[in-house]
Amino acid sequence: MMSWRCGKAYAQDLRDRVLAAKGRLRVVAERFGVSQAYVSRVRSRHERLGQASAGAQHNHVPLRLAGLKAPLLAQVALAPEQTLVQLCQ
């Protein structure tokens, strides 16, 4: 069984082999050690968009320091030679 890595897409060669394989979802999934849902999504994306590659991942969580970007950059500009540890103090 292929191990899924959190936040990372399966390799493109596996995706290509899943797309090339003919047969029912369950049979293809068992053959390559992936879930039936994965086989379904790969096939669906290929049919809808004509793309064999994985799509971009979207993280809709706002950055925690987004509101502090300008002040942080200003602080770094005042002393660009300082290390990160020094800037944090």
N, C-alpha and C. Protein backbone atom coordinates (compact mmCIF):
# COMPACT_ATOMS: atom_id res chain seq x y z
N MET A 1 0.84 -1.17 0.00
CA MET A 1 0.00 0.00 0.00
C MET A 1 0.89 1.24 0.00
N MET A 2 0.57 2.19 -0.86
CA MET A 2 1.32 3.45 -0.94
C MET A 2 0.99 4.28 0.30
N SER A 3 1.99 4.93 0.84
CA SER A 3 1.71 5.76 2.01
C SER A 3 1.51 7.20 1.56
N TRP A 4 0.44 7.80 2.04
CA TRP A 4 0.13 9.17 1.70
C TRP A 4 0.88 10.08 2.63
N ARG A 5 1.44 11.14 2.08
CA ARG A 5 2.18 12.10 2.88
C ARG A 5 1.33 13.35 3.02
N CYS A 6 1.12 13.77 4.22
CA CYS A 6 0.26 14.90 4.52
C CYS A 6 0.66 16.13 3.72
N GLY A 7 -0.27 16.64 2.92
CA GLY A 7 -0.03 17.87 2.19
C GLY A 7 0.74 17.71 0.90
N LYS A 8 1.05 16.50 0.49
CA LYS A 8 1.83 16.30 -0.72
C LYS A 8 1.08 15.39 -1.68
N ALA A 9 1.16 15.72 -2.96
CA ALA A 9 0.50 14.92 -3.99
C ALA A 9 1.31 13.65 -4.26
N TYR A 10 0.63 12.63 -4.75
CA TYR A 10 1.33 11.43 -5.20
C TYR A 10 2.23 11.80 -6.38
N ALA A 11 3.21 10.97 -6.65
CA ALA A 11 4.15 11.21 -7.75
C ALA A 11 3.41 11.18 -9.09
N GLN A 12 3.94 11.93 -10.04
CA GLN A 12 3.31 12.03 -11.36
C GLN A 12 3.30 10.68 -12.08
N ASP A 13 4.33 9.85 -11.89
CA ASP A 13 4.35 8.55 -12.57
C ASP A 13 3.21 7.66 -12.10
N LEU A 14 2.88 7.72 -10.81
CA LEU A 14 1.75 6.95 -10.30
C LEU A 14 0.45 7.48 -10.90
N ARG A 15 0.31 8.79 -10.96
CA ARG A 15 -0.88 9.41 -11.54
C ARG A 15 -1.05 8.96 -13.00
N ASP A 16 0.06 8.94 -13.74
CA ASP A 16 0.02 8.52 -15.15
C ASP A 16 -0.39 7.06 -15.28
N ARG A 17 0.13 6.21 -14.39
CA ARG A 17 -0.22 4.78 -14.44
C ARG A 17 -1.68 4.56 -14.08
N VAL A 18 -2.19 5.32 -13.12
CA VAL A 18 -3.61 5.21 -12.74
C VAL A 18 -4.48 5.63 -13.91
N LEU A 19 -4.10 6.70 -14.60
CA LEU A 19 -4.89 7.16 -15.75
C LEU A 19 -4.85 6.15 -16.90
N ALA A 20 -3.71 5.52 -17.09
CA ALA A 20 -3.57 4.56 -18.20
C ALA A 20 -4.28 3.24 -17.92
N ALA A 21 -4.50 2.92 -16.65
CA ALA A 21 -5.13 1.65 -16.29
C ALA A 21 -6.62 1.67 -16.61
N LYS A 22 -7.08 0.62 -17.20
CA LYS A 22 -8.51 0.48 -17.52
C LYS A 22 -9.14 -0.45 -16.50
N GLY A 23 -10.39 -0.24 -16.23
CA GLY A 23 -11.08 -1.10 -15.30
C GLY A 23 -11.84 -0.31 -14.26
N ARG A 24 -12.46 -1.06 -13.36
CA ARG A 24 -13.27 -0.45 -12.30
C ARG A 24 -12.38 0.25 -11.28
N LEU A 25 -12.97 1.21 -10.59
CA LEU A 25 -12.24 1.98 -9.57
C LEU A 25 -11.56 1.07 -8.55
N ARG A 26 -12.32 0.13 -8.02
CA ARG A 26 -11.81 -0.75 -6.97
C ARG A 26 -10.61 -1.55 -7.45
N VAL A 27 -10.68 -2.08 -8.65
CA VAL A 27 -9.61 -2.92 -9.20
C VAL A 27 -8.34 -2.08 -9.41
N VAL A 28 -8.50 -0.89 -9.99
CA VAL A 28 -7.35 -0.02 -10.24
C VAL A 28 -6.75 0.45 -8.91
N ALA A 29 -7.61 0.79 -7.96
CA ALA A 29 -7.13 1.26 -6.65
C ALA A 29 -6.32 0.17 -5.95
N GLU A 30 -6.81 -1.05 -5.96
CA GLU A 30 -6.10 -2.16 -5.32
C GLU A 30 -4.78 -2.44 -6.03
N ARG A 31 -4.79 -2.34 -7.34
CA ARG A 31 -3.59 -2.63 -8.14
C ARG A 31 -2.45 -1.67 -7.78
N PHE A 32 -2.78 -0.40 -7.56
CA PHE A 32 -1.74 0.60 -7.30
C PHE A 32 -1.63 0.99 -5.83
N GLY A 33 -2.45 0.41 -4.98
CA GLY A 33 -2.36 0.69 -3.56
C GLY A 33 -2.81 2.09 -3.17
N VAL A 34 -3.82 2.59 -3.86
CA VAL A 34 -4.38 3.90 -3.54
C VAL A 34 -5.86 3.74 -3.25
N SER A 35 -6.51 4.82 -2.83
CA SER A 35 -7.94 4.73 -2.53
C SER A 35 -8.76 4.84 -3.82
N GLN A 36 -9.98 4.35 -3.74
CA GLN A 36 -10.89 4.47 -4.87
C GLN A 36 -11.19 5.94 -5.15
N ALA A 37 -11.26 6.74 -4.09
CA ALA A 37 -11.53 8.17 -4.24
C ALA A 37 -10.41 8.84 -5.05
N TYR A 38 -9.17 8.43 -4.81
CA TYR A 38 -8.05 9.00 -5.55
C TYR A 38 -8.18 8.68 -7.04
N VAL A 39 -8.47 7.43 -7.36
CA VAL A 39 -8.63 7.03 -8.75
C VAL A 39 -9.76 7.84 -9.39
N SER A 40 -10.86 7.99 -8.67
CA SER A 40 -12.00 8.76 -9.17
C SER A 40 -11.63 10.21 -9.43
N ARG A 41 -10.91 10.83 -8.48
CA ARG A 41 -10.52 12.24 -8.64
C ARG A 41 -9.56 12.43 -9.81
N VAL A 42 -8.59 11.52 -9.97
CA VAL A 42 -7.63 11.62 -11.07
C VAL A 42 -8.35 11.52 -12.40
N ARG A 43 -9.23 10.55 -12.51
CA ARG A 43 -9.97 10.38 -13.76
C ARG A 43 -10.89 11.57 -14.03
N SER A 44 -11.56 12.03 -13.00
CA SER A 44 -12.49 13.15 -13.14
C SER A 44 -11.75 14.41 -13.59
N ARG A 45 -10.62 14.70 -12.97
CA ARG A 45 -9.84 15.89 -13.33
C ARG A 45 -9.38 15.79 -14.78
N HIS A 46 -8.97 14.60 -15.17
CA HIS A 46 -8.50 14.41 -16.55
C HIS A 46 -9.64 14.61 -17.55
N GLU A 47 -10.82 14.10 -17.22
CA GLU A 47 -11.97 14.26 -18.11
C GLU A 47 -12.45 15.71 -18.17
N ARG A 48 -12.52 16.38 -17.01
CA ARG A 48 -13.04 17.75 -16.95
C ARG A 48 -12.08 18.78 -17.53
N LEU A 49 -10.80 18.66 -17.15
CA LEU A 49 -9.83 19.70 -17.49
C LEU A 49 -8.79 19.27 -18.52
N GLY A 50 -8.73 17.97 -18.78
CA GLY A 50 -7.73 17.47 -19.71
C GLY A 50 -6.33 17.48 -19.12
N GLN A 51 -6.23 17.58 -17.81
CA GLN A 51 -4.93 17.65 -17.14
C GLN A 51 -4.61 16.34 -16.45
N ALA A 52 -3.37 15.89 -16.64
CA ALA A 52 -2.93 14.67 -15.99
C ALA A 52 -2.11 14.99 -14.74
N SER A 53 -1.85 16.25 -14.50
CA SER A 53 -1.04 16.63 -13.34
C SER A 53 -1.92 17.03 -12.17
N ALA A 54 -1.33 17.04 -10.99
CA ALA A 54 -2.05 17.46 -9.80
C ALA A 54 -2.30 18.96 -9.85
N GLY A 55 -3.40 19.38 -9.26
CA GLY A 55 -3.71 20.80 -9.21
C GLY A 55 -2.96 21.47 -8.07
N ALA A 56 -2.96 22.78 -8.11
CA ALA A 56 -2.31 23.54 -7.04
C ALA A 56 -3.09 23.35 -5.75
N GLN A 57 -2.37 23.27 -4.65
CA GLN A 57 -3.03 23.13 -3.36
C GLN A 57 -3.31 24.52 -2.81
N HIS A 58 -4.47 24.68 -2.23
CA HIS A 58 -4.87 25.98 -1.71
C HIS A 58 -5.08 25.88 -0.20
N ASN A 59 -4.41 26.73 0.49
CA ASN A 59 -4.57 26.81 1.93
C ASN A 59 -5.28 28.13 2.22
N HIS A 60 -6.49 28.07 2.67
CA HIS A 60 -7.29 29.27 2.87
C HIS A 60 -7.18 29.84 4.28
N VAL A 61 -6.12 29.47 4.98
CA VAL A 61 -5.90 29.99 6.32
C VAL A 61 -5.06 31.26 6.20
N PRO A 62 -5.53 32.38 6.72
CA PRO A 62 -4.75 33.61 6.61
C PRO A 62 -3.45 33.52 7.40
N LEU A 63 -2.43 34.18 6.92
CA LEU A 63 -1.15 34.17 7.60
C LEU A 63 -1.26 34.91 8.92
N ARG A 64 -0.66 34.36 9.95
CA ARG A 64 -0.78 34.94 11.30
C ARG A 64 -0.09 36.29 11.41
N LEU A 65 0.98 36.48 10.69
CA LEU A 65 1.73 37.73 10.80
C LEU A 65 1.44 38.70 9.64
N ALA A 66 0.39 38.46 8.89
CA ALA A 66 0.09 39.29 7.72
C ALA A 66 -0.05 40.76 8.10
N GLY A 67 -0.67 41.06 9.22
CA GLY A 67 -0.86 42.44 9.64
C GLY A 67 0.41 43.11 10.12
N LEU A 68 1.43 42.33 10.38
CA LEU A 68 2.69 42.88 10.89
C LEU A 68 3.78 42.96 9.83
N LYS A 69 3.44 42.69 8.58
CA LYS A 69 4.45 42.64 7.53
C LYS A 69 5.19 43.97 7.38
N ALA A 70 4.45 45.07 7.27
CA ALA A 70 5.10 46.37 7.07
C ALA A 70 5.99 46.75 8.26
N PRO A 71 5.50 46.66 9.52
CA PRO A 71 6.39 47.00 10.63
C PRO A 71 7.62 46.09 10.73
N LEU A 72 7.46 44.81 10.41
CA LEU A 72 8.60 43.90 10.46
C LEU A 72 9.64 44.26 9.40
N LEU A 73 9.17 44.57 8.19
CA LEU A 73 10.11 44.96 7.14
C LEU A 73 10.81 46.27 7.48
N ALA A 74 10.09 47.18 8.11
CA ALA A 74 10.69 48.45 8.52
C ALA A 74 11.77 48.21 9.57
N GLN A 75 11.51 47.32 10.50
CA GLN A 75 12.49 46.99 11.54
C GLN A 75 13.74 46.37 10.94
N VAL A 76 13.57 45.49 9.97
CA VAL A 76 14.72 44.87 9.31
C VAL A 76 15.50 45.92 8.52
N ALA A 77 14.80 46.86 7.88
CA ALA A 77 15.47 47.91 7.10
C ALA A 77 16.33 48.80 7.99
N LEU A 78 15.94 48.99 9.25
CA LEU A 78 16.71 49.82 10.18
C LEU A 78 18.05 49.18 10.52
N ALA A 79 18.10 47.87 10.59
CA ALA A 79 19.33 47.17 10.95
C ALA A 79 19.45 45.87 10.16
N PRO A 80 19.73 45.95 8.87
CA PRO A 80 19.75 44.74 8.02
C PRO A 80 20.86 43.76 8.38
N GLU A 81 21.88 44.22 9.13
CA GLU A 81 22.99 43.33 9.48
C GLU A 81 22.67 42.44 10.69
N GLN A 82 21.55 42.70 11.37
CA GLN A 82 21.21 41.91 12.55
C GLN A 82 20.72 40.53 12.16
N THR A 83 20.96 39.60 13.07
CA THR A 83 20.47 38.24 12.86
C THR A 83 19.00 38.17 13.26
N LEU A 84 18.35 37.08 12.92
CA LEU A 84 16.95 36.89 13.27
C LEU A 84 16.76 36.89 14.80
N VAL A 85 17.69 36.27 15.51
CA VAL A 85 17.60 36.23 16.98
C VAL A 85 17.67 37.64 17.55
N GLN A 86 18.58 38.46 17.02
CA GLN A 86 18.70 39.83 17.49
C GLN A 86 17.44 40.63 17.18
N LEU A 87 16.88 40.43 16.00
CA LEU A 87 15.65 41.14 15.63
C LEU A 87 14.48 40.74 16.54
N CYS A 88 14.43 39.49 16.93
CA CYS A 88 13.34 39.01 17.78
C CYS A 88 13.42 39.59 19.19
N GLN A 89 14.62 39.92 19.66
CA GLN A 89 14.77 40.49 21.00
C GLN A 89 14.27 41.91 20.99
